[in-house]
Amino acid sequence: DTSTGNLQHHVDKCEPKRTKQTHAMEKFAQGAGYTCDGFQFGLVKWITSASRPFIIVEDQGLTDLFKMLYA
């Protein structure tokens, strides 16, 4: 066995199987892309369109998600 062969075997074994749920998610997200500016704009739009208090961006759970986006 070669090291790349072992890695390919691992990838094949760990690759998620396509299901109805994954297909639905792919269809939902099709055409979506992430940019920092787009995310910031979307965040401000989300806060203002539903009259959420701006302090919501300091919520620990939400900030953890933000950190994950910037990782």
PDB file of N, CA and C in Angstrom:
ATOM      1  N   ASP A   1       0.832  -1.201   0.000  1.00  0.00           N
ATOM      2  CA  ASP A   1       0.000   0.000   0.000  1.00  0.00           C
ATOM      3  C   ASP A   1       0.866   1.251   0.000  1.00  0.00           C
ATOM      4  N   THR A   2       0.400   2.237  -0.713  1.00  0.00           N
ATOM      5  CA  THR A   2       1.093   3.525  -0.687  1.00  0.00           C
ATOM      6  C   THR A   2       0.354   4.461   0.253  1.00  0.00           C
ATOM      7  N   SER A   3       1.049   5.471   0.717  1.00  0.00           N
ATOM      8  CA  SER A   3       0.404   6.398   1.652  1.00  0.00           C
ATOM      9  C   SER A   3      -0.774   7.107   0.990  1.00  0.00           C
ATOM     10  N   THR A   4      -0.650   7.451  -0.281  1.00  0.00           N
ATOM     11  CA  THR A   4      -1.780   8.100  -0.948  1.00  0.00           C
ATOM     12  C   THR A   4      -2.929   7.125  -1.156  1.00  0.00           C
ATOM     13  N   GLY A   5      -2.615   5.867  -1.363  1.00  0.00           N
ATOM     14  CA  GLY A   5      -3.669   4.855  -1.491  1.00  0.00           C
ATOM     15  C   GLY A   5      -4.436   4.702  -0.193  1.00  0.00           C
ATOM     16  N   ASN A   6      -3.720   4.713   0.924  1.00  0.00           N
ATOM     17  CA  ASN A   6      -4.378   4.625   2.225  1.00  0.00           C
ATOM     18  C   ASN A   6      -5.260   5.845   2.475  1.00  0.00           C
ATOM     19  N   LEU A   7      -4.767   6.999   2.084  1.00  0.00           N
ATOM     20  CA  LEU A   7      -5.546   8.218   2.260  1.00  0.00           C
ATOM     21  C   LEU A   7      -6.813   8.167   1.406  1.00  0.00           C
ATOM     22  N   GLN A   8      -6.680   7.695   0.163  1.00  0.00           N
ATOM     23  CA  GLN A   8      -7.857   7.601  -0.705  1.00  0.00           C
ATOM     24  C   GLN A   8      -8.874   6.626  -0.129  1.00  0.00           C
ATOM     25  N   HIS A   9      -8.403   5.514   0.425  1.00  0.00           N
ATOM     26  CA  HIS A   9      -9.306   4.550   1.060  1.00  0.00           C
ATOM     27  C   HIS A   9     -10.044   5.212   2.222  1.00  0.00           C
ATOM     28  N   HIS A  10      -9.329   6.003   3.007  1.00  0.00           N
ATOM     29  CA  HIS A  10      -9.936   6.705   4.141  1.00  0.00           C
ATOM     30  C   HIS A  10     -10.990   7.700   3.653  1.00  0.00           C
ATOM     31  N   VAL A  11     -10.671   8.460   2.608  1.00  0.00           N
ATOM     32  CA  VAL A  11     -11.619   9.433   2.057  1.00  0.00           C
ATOM     33  C   VAL A  11     -12.870   8.723   1.558  1.00  0.00           C
ATOM     34  N   ASP A  12     -12.683   7.631   0.826  1.00  0.00           N
ATOM     35  CA  ASP A  12     -13.829   6.880   0.311  1.00  0.00           C
ATOM     36  C   ASP A  12     -14.702   6.357   1.438  1.00  0.00           C
ATOM     37  N   LYS A  13     -14.065   5.910   2.504  1.00  0.00           N
ATOM     38  CA  LYS A  13     -14.797   5.356   3.638  1.00  0.00           C
ATOM     39  C   LYS A  13     -15.554   6.445   4.398  1.00  0.00           C
ATOM     40  N   CYS A  14     -14.975   7.630   4.509  1.00  0.00           N
ATOM     41  CA  CYS A  14     -15.561   8.702   5.315  1.00  0.00           C
ATOM     42  C   CYS A  14     -16.476   9.633   4.529  1.00  0.00           C
ATOM     43  N   GLU A  15     -16.443   9.559   3.223  1.00  0.00           N
ATOM     44  CA  GLU A  15     -17.262  10.470   2.427  1.00  0.00           C
ATOM     45  C   GLU A  15     -18.737  10.243   2.722  1.00  0.00           C
ATOM     46  N   PRO A  16     -19.474  11.318   2.987  1.00  0.00           N
ATOM     47  CA  PRO A  16     -20.896  11.151   3.311  1.00  0.00           C
ATOM     48  C   PRO A  16     -21.673  10.586   2.128  1.00  0.00           C
ATOM     49  N   LYS A  17     -22.637   9.778   2.442  1.00  0.00           N
ATOM     50  CA  LYS A  17     -23.489   9.187   1.417  1.00  0.00           C
ATOM     51  C   LYS A  17     -24.552  10.200   1.008  1.00  0.00           C
ATOM     52  N   ARG A  18     -24.889  10.203  -0.263  1.00  0.00           N
ATOM     53  CA  ARG A  18     -25.941  11.094  -0.756  1.00  0.00           C
ATOM     54  C   ARG A  18     -27.295  10.515  -0.383  1.00  0.00           C
ATOM     55  N   THR A  19     -28.109  11.338   0.229  1.00  0.00           N
ATOM     56  CA  THR A  19     -29.454  10.938   0.619  1.00  0.00           C
ATOM     57  C   THR A  19     -30.432  11.998   0.128  1.00  0.00           C
ATOM     58  N   LYS A  20     -31.711  11.762   0.335  1.00  0.00           N
ATOM     59  CA  LYS A  20     -32.712  12.771  -0.024  1.00  0.00           C
ATOM     60  C   LYS A  20     -32.444  14.072   0.726  1.00  0.00           C
ATOM     61  N   GLN A  21     -32.028  13.944   1.991  1.00  0.00           N
ATOM     62  CA  GLN A  21     -31.784  15.133   2.802  1.00  0.00           C
ATOM     63  C   GLN A  21     -30.584  15.928   2.284  1.00  0.00           C
ATOM     64  N   THR A  22     -29.495  15.232   1.930  1.00  0.00           N
ATOM     65  CA  THR A  22     -28.323  15.965   1.438  1.00  0.00           C
ATOM     66  C   THR A  22     -28.621  16.585   0.080  1.00  0.00           C
ATOM     67  N   HIS A  23     -29.394  15.888  -0.736  1.00  0.00           N
ATOM     68  CA  HIS A  23     -29.769  16.447  -2.039  1.00  0.00           C
ATOM     69  C   HIS A  23     -30.620  17.705  -1.844  1.00  0.00           C
ATOM     70  N   ALA A  24     -31.548  17.660  -0.905  1.00  0.00           N
ATOM     71  CA  ALA A  24     -32.394  18.825  -0.632  1.00  0.00           C
ATOM     72  C   ALA A  24     -31.551  20.000  -0.151  1.00  0.00           C
ATOM     73  N   MET A  25     -30.561  19.736   0.695  1.00  0.00           N
ATOM     74  CA  MET A  25     -29.697  20.802   1.200  1.00  0.00           C
ATOM     75  C   MET A  25     -28.849  21.384   0.068  1.00  0.00           C
ATOM     76  N   GLU A  26     -28.322  20.527  -0.800  1.00  0.00           N
ATOM     77  CA  GLU A  26     -27.527  21.018  -1.926  1.00  0.00           C
ATOM     78  C   GLU A  26     -28.377  21.896  -2.842  1.00  0.00           C
ATOM     79  N   LYS A  27     -29.613  21.475  -3.082  1.00  0.00           N
ATOM     80  CA  LYS A  27     -30.515  22.253  -3.927  1.00  0.00           C
ATOM     81  C   LYS A  27     -30.837  23.598  -3.268  1.00  0.00           C
ATOM     82  N   PHE A  28     -31.060  23.577  -1.958  1.00  0.00           N
ATOM     83  CA  PHE A  28     -31.361  24.802  -1.217  1.00  0.00           C
ATOM     84  C   PHE A  28     -30.195  25.787  -1.289  1.00  0.00           C
ATOM     85  N   ALA A  29     -28.970  25.282  -1.153  1.00  0.00           N
ATOM     86  CA  ALA A  29     -27.788  26.144  -1.081  1.00  0.00           C
ATOM     87  C   ALA A  29     -27.190  26.456  -2.444  1.00  0.00           C
ATOM     88  N   GLN A  30     -27.741  25.897  -3.503  1.00  0.00           N
ATOM     89  CA  GLN A  30     -27.186  26.089  -4.834  1.00  0.00           C
ATOM     90  C   GLN A  30     -27.118  27.570  -5.184  1.00  0.00           C
ATOM     91  N   GLY A  31     -25.980  27.989  -5.655  1.00  0.00           N
ATOM     92  CA  GLY A  31     -25.796  29.380  -6.032  1.00  0.00           C
ATOM     93  C   GLY A  31     -25.417  30.288  -4.879  1.00  0.00           C
ATOM     94  N   ALA A  32     -25.461  29.769  -3.666  1.00  0.00           N
ATOM     95  CA  ALA A  32     -25.088  30.581  -2.509  1.00  0.00           C
ATOM     96  C   ALA A  32     -23.574  30.564  -2.356  1.00  0.00           C
ATOM     97  N   GLY A  33     -23.042  31.668  -1.977  1.00  0.00           N
ATOM     98  CA  GLY A  33     -21.615  31.761  -1.726  1.00  0.00           C
ATOM     99  C   GLY A  33     -21.384  32.618  -0.496  1.00  0.00           C
ATOM    100  N   TYR A  34     -20.222  32.476   0.100  1.00  0.00           N
ATOM    101  CA  TYR A  34     -19.924  33.237   1.310  1.00  0.00           C
ATOM    102  C   TYR A  34     -18.878  34.287   1.010  1.00  0.00           C
ATOM    103  N   THR A  35     -19.178  35.509   1.418  1.00  0.00           N
ATOM    104  CA  THR A  35     -18.181  36.570   1.461  1.00  0.00           C
ATOM    105  C   THR A  35     -18.368  37.286   2.793  1.00  0.00           C
ATOM    106  N   CYS A  36     -17.304  37.824   3.302  1.00  0.00           N
ATOM    107  CA  CYS A  36     -17.370  38.544   4.574  1.00  0.00           C
ATOM    108  C   CYS A  36     -18.320  39.733   4.456  1.00  0.00           C
ATOM    109  N   ASP A  37     -18.198  40.504   3.383  1.00  0.00           N
ATOM    110  CA  ASP A  37     -19.073  41.666   3.196  1.00  0.00           C
ATOM    111  C   ASP A  37     -20.532  41.246   3.065  1.00  0.00           C
ATOM    112  N   GLY A  38     -20.769  40.180   2.316  1.00  0.00           N
ATOM    113  CA  GLY A  38     -22.134  39.696   2.155  1.00  0.00           C
ATOM    114  C   GLY A  38     -22.727  39.227   3.470  1.00  0.00           C
ATOM    115  N   PHE A  39     -21.895  38.569   4.288  1.00  0.00           N
ATOM    116  CA  PHE A  39     -22.360  38.105   5.590  1.00  0.00           C
ATOM    117  C   PHE A  39     -22.714  39.286   6.481  1.00  0.00           C
ATOM    118  N   GLN A  40     -21.843  40.292   6.521  1.00  0.00           N
ATOM    119  CA  GLN A  40     -22.107  41.468   7.355  1.00  0.00           C
ATOM    120  C   GLN A  40     -23.373  42.192   6.900  1.00  0.00           C
ATOM    121  N   PHE A  41     -23.551  42.327   5.593  1.00  0.00           N
ATOM    122  CA  PHE A  41     -24.755  42.962   5.070  1.00  0.00           C
ATOM    123  C   PHE A  41     -25.992  42.151   5.462  1.00  0.00           C
ATOM    124  N   GLY A  42     -25.914  40.842   5.300  1.00  0.00           N
ATOM    125  CA  GLY A  42     -27.035  39.980   5.660  1.00  0.00           C
ATOM    126  C   GLY A  42     -27.368  40.045   7.135  1.00  0.00           C
ATOM    127  N   LEU A  43     -26.351  40.141   7.967  1.00  0.00           N
ATOM    128  CA  LEU A  43     -26.562  40.242   9.410  1.00  0.00           C
ATOM    129  C   LEU A  43     -27.304  41.532   9.759  1.00  0.00           C
ATOM    130  N   VAL A  44     -26.850  42.643   9.205  1.00  0.00           N
ATOM    131  CA  VAL A  44     -27.510  43.923   9.467  1.00  0.00           C
ATOM    132  C   VAL A  44     -28.947  43.892   8.941  1.00  0.00           C
ATOM    133  N   LYS A  45     -29.139  43.333   7.769  1.00  0.00           N
ATOM    134  CA  LYS A  45     -30.485  43.232   7.195  1.00  0.00           C
ATOM    135  C   LYS A  45     -31.390  42.383   8.088  1.00  0.00           C
ATOM    136  N   TRP A  46     -30.865  41.273   8.594  1.00  0.00           N
ATOM    137  CA  TRP A  46     -31.631  40.378   9.471  1.00  0.00           C
ATOM    138  C   TRP A  46     -32.028  41.094  10.759  1.00  0.00           C
ATOM    139  N   ILE A  47     -31.080  41.825  11.349  1.00  0.00           N
ATOM    140  CA  ILE A  47     -31.354  42.537  12.604  1.00  0.00           C
ATOM    141  C   ILE A  47     -32.404  43.623  12.390  1.00  0.00           C
ATOM    142  N   THR A  48     -32.228  44.410  11.334  1.00  0.00           N
ATOM    143  CA  THR A  48     -33.124  45.554  11.141  1.00  0.00           C
ATOM    144  C   THR A  48     -34.489  45.172  10.592  1.00  0.00           C
ATOM    145  N   SER A  49     -34.559  44.157   9.767  1.00  0.00           N
ATOM    146  CA  SER A  49     -35.844  43.818   9.147  1.00  0.00           C
ATOM    147  C   SER A  49     -36.834  43.224  10.136  1.00  0.00           C
ATOM    148  N   ALA A  50     -36.347  42.629  11.206  1.00  0.00           N
ATOM    149  CA  ALA A  50     -37.242  42.012  12.189  1.00  0.00           C
ATOM    150  C   ALA A  50     -37.238  42.771  13.514  1.00  0.00           C
ATOM    151  N   SER A  51     -36.708  43.984  13.493  1.00  0.00           N
ATOM    152  CA  SER A  51     -36.661  44.828  14.694  1.00  0.00           C
ATOM    153  C   SER A  51     -35.999  44.128  15.876  1.00  0.00           C
ATOM    154  N   ARG A  52     -34.935  43.391  15.587  1.00  0.00           N
ATOM    155  CA  ARG A  52     -34.184  42.742  16.658  1.00  0.00           C
ATOM    156  C   ARG A  52     -33.264  43.775  17.303  1.00  0.00           C
ATOM    157  N   PRO A  53     -33.029  43.661  18.592  1.00  0.00           N
ATOM    158  CA  PRO A  53     -32.083  44.588  19.231  1.00  0.00           C
ATOM    159  C   PRO A  53     -30.668  44.290  18.730  1.00  0.00           C
ATOM    160  N   PHE A  54     -29.907  45.336  18.449  1.00  0.00           N
ATOM    161  CA  PHE A  54     -28.561  45.136  17.919  1.00  0.00           C
ATOM    162  C   PHE A  54     -27.686  44.335  18.874  1.00  0.00           C
ATOM    163  N   ILE A  55     -27.988  44.374  20.158  1.00  0.00           N
ATOM    164  CA  ILE A  55     -27.186  43.643  21.145  1.00  0.00           C
ATOM    165  C   ILE A  55     -27.234  42.128  20.908  1.00  0.00           C
ATOM    166  N   ILE A  56     -28.161  41.680  20.065  1.00  0.00           N
ATOM    167  CA  ILE A  56     -28.253  40.250  19.776  1.00  0.00           C
ATOM    168  C   ILE A  56     -26.932  39.708  19.230  1.00  0.00           C
ATOM    169  N   VAL A  57     -26.132  40.572  18.577  1.00  0.00           N
ATOM    170  CA  VAL A  57     -24.865  40.101  18.020  1.00  0.00           C
ATOM    171  C   VAL A  57     -23.853  39.763  19.109  1.00  0.00           C
ATOM    172  N   GLU A  58     -24.153  40.089  20.365  1.00  0.00           N
ATOM    173  CA  GLU A  58     -23.266  39.733  21.469  1.00  0.00           C
ATOM    174  C   GLU A  58     -23.684  38.439  22.155  1.00  0.00           C
ATOM    175  N   ASP A  59     -24.759  37.808  21.688  1.00  0.00           N
ATOM    176  CA  ASP A  59     -25.201  36.532  22.232  1.00  0.00           C
ATOM    177  C   ASP A  59     -24.088  35.497  22.056  1.00  0.00           C
ATOM    178  N   GLN A  60     -23.757  34.756  23.115  1.00  0.00           N
ATOM    179  CA  GLN A  60     -22.622  33.831  23.088  1.00  0.00           C
ATOM    180  C   GLN A  60     -22.762  32.767  22.000  1.00  0.00           C
ATOM    181  N   GLY A  61     -23.929  32.187  21.878  1.00  0.00           N
ATOM    182  CA  GLY A  61     -24.124  31.167  20.847  1.00  0.00           C
ATOM    183  C   GLY A  61     -23.948  31.720  19.451  1.00  0.00           C
ATOM    184  N   LEU A  62     -24.454  32.916  19.235  1.00  0.00           N
ATOM    185  CA  LEU A  62     -24.332  33.555  17.933  1.00  0.00           C
ATOM    186  C   LEU A  62     -22.883  33.947  17.653  1.00  0.00           C
ATOM    187  N   THR A  63     -22.186  34.463  18.648  1.00  0.00           N
ATOM    188  CA  THR A  63     -20.781  34.833  18.432  1.00  0.00           C
ATOM    189  C   THR A  63     -19.921  33.604  18.170  1.00  0.00           C
ATOM    190  N   ASP A  64     -20.257  32.480  18.778  1.00  0.00           N
ATOM    191  CA  ASP A  64     -19.530  31.237  18.486  1.00  0.00           C
ATOM    192  C   ASP A  64     -19.694  30.857  17.015  1.00  0.00           C
ATOM    193  N   LEU A  65     -20.903  31.024  16.491  1.00  0.00           N
ATOM    194  CA  LEU A  65     -21.141  30.743  15.074  1.00  0.00           C
ATOM    195  C   LEU A  65     -20.367  31.710  14.187  1.00  0.00           C
ATOM    196  N   PHE A  66     -20.332  32.990  14.579  1.00  0.00           N
ATOM    197  CA  PHE A  66     -19.570  33.968  13.811  1.00  0.00           C
ATOM    198  C   PHE A  66     -18.092  33.591  13.766  1.00  0.00           C
ATOM    199  N   LYS A  67     -17.552  33.185  14.898  1.00  0.00           N
ATOM    200  CA  LYS A  67     -16.138  32.803  14.960  1.00  0.00           C
ATOM    201  C   LYS A  67     -15.860  31.626  14.041  1.00  0.00           C
ATOM    202  N   MET A  68     -16.801  30.706  13.958  1.00  0.00           N
ATOM    203  CA  MET A  68     -16.637  29.549  13.086  1.00  0.00           C
ATOM    204  C   MET A  68     -16.566  30.002  11.621  1.00  0.00           C
ATOM    205  N   LEU A  69     -17.333  31.021  11.251  1.00  0.00           N
ATOM    206  CA  LEU A  69     -17.312  31.528   9.884  1.00  0.00           C
ATOM    207  C   LEU A  69     -15.967  32.148   9.533  1.00  0.00           C
ATOM    208  N   TYR A  70     -15.327  32.762  10.501  1.00  0.00           N
ATOM    209  CA  TYR A  70     -14.065  33.445  10.248  1.00  0.00           C
ATOM    210  C   TYR A  70     -12.843  32.563  10.494  1.00  0.00           C
ATOM    211  N   ALA A  71     -13.062  31.299  10.849  1.00  0.00           N
ATOM    212  CA  ALA A  71     -11.941  30.389  11.135  1.00  0.00           C
ATOM    213  C   ALA A  71     -11.234  29.979   9.864  1.00  0.00           C
TER     214      ALA A  71
END
